[in-house]
Amino acid sequence: MAYRVYVIQNSEGKFYIGLSDDVVRRIAQHMHVASKRSKAMR
């Protein structure tokens, strides 16, 4: 199974580096968690 390293930069300029065998799915998971955090902060 092939894994890929990915780098995400958020709107605050912070970076997150990850490793996944399904980058599209993993980024979707990041976005889902981020939306939950945004709702909690309102």
Protein backbone atom coordinates (compact mmCIF):
# COMPACT_ATOMS: atom_id res chain seq x y z
CA MET A 1 0.00 0.00 0.00
CA ALA A 2 1.38 3.41 -0.98
CA TYR A 3 1.29 6.29 1.48
CA ARG A 4 1.67 9.96 0.68
CA VAL A 5 2.85 12.89 2.75
CA TYR A 6 0.67 15.98 2.57
CA VAL A 7 0.91 19.52 3.91
CA ILE A 8 -2.10 21.70 4.75
CA GLN A 9 -1.91 25.39 5.63
CA ASN A 10 -4.85 26.88 7.51
CA SER A 11 -6.22 30.42 7.28
CA GLU A 12 -4.00 31.45 10.22
CA GLY A 13 -0.89 30.36 8.31
CA LYS A 14 -0.23 27.28 10.46
CA PHE A 15 0.90 24.09 8.77
CA TYR A 16 -0.16 20.50 9.37
CA ILE A 17 1.88 17.66 7.91
CA GLY A 18 0.28 14.25 7.59
CA LEU A 19 0.68 10.80 6.09
CA SER A 20 -2.17 8.88 4.46
CA ASP A 21 -2.96 6.13 2.00
CA ASP A 22 -6.02 8.16 0.86
CA VAL A 23 -5.22 11.87 0.83
CA VAL A 24 -8.62 12.99 -0.48
CA ARG A 25 -10.44 11.13 2.32
CA ARG A 26 -8.01 12.44 4.94
CA ILE A 27 -8.39 16.06 3.87
CA ALA A 28 -12.18 15.63 3.97
CA GLN A 29 -11.79 14.39 7.56
CA HIS A 30 -9.70 17.46 8.43
CA MET A 31 -12.34 19.75 6.94
CA HIS A 32 -15.13 17.97 8.84
CA VAL A 33 -13.30 18.36 12.17
CA ALA A 34 -12.51 22.00 11.39
CA SER A 35 -16.18 22.75 10.70
CA LYS A 36 -17.18 21.15 14.01
CA ARG A 37 -14.63 23.31 15.84
CA SER A 38 -15.91 26.45 14.12
CA LYS A 39 -19.48 25.67 15.18
CA ALA A 40 -18.38 25.05 18.77
CA MET A 41 -16.62 28.42 18.93
CA ARG A 42 -19.70 30.40 17.84
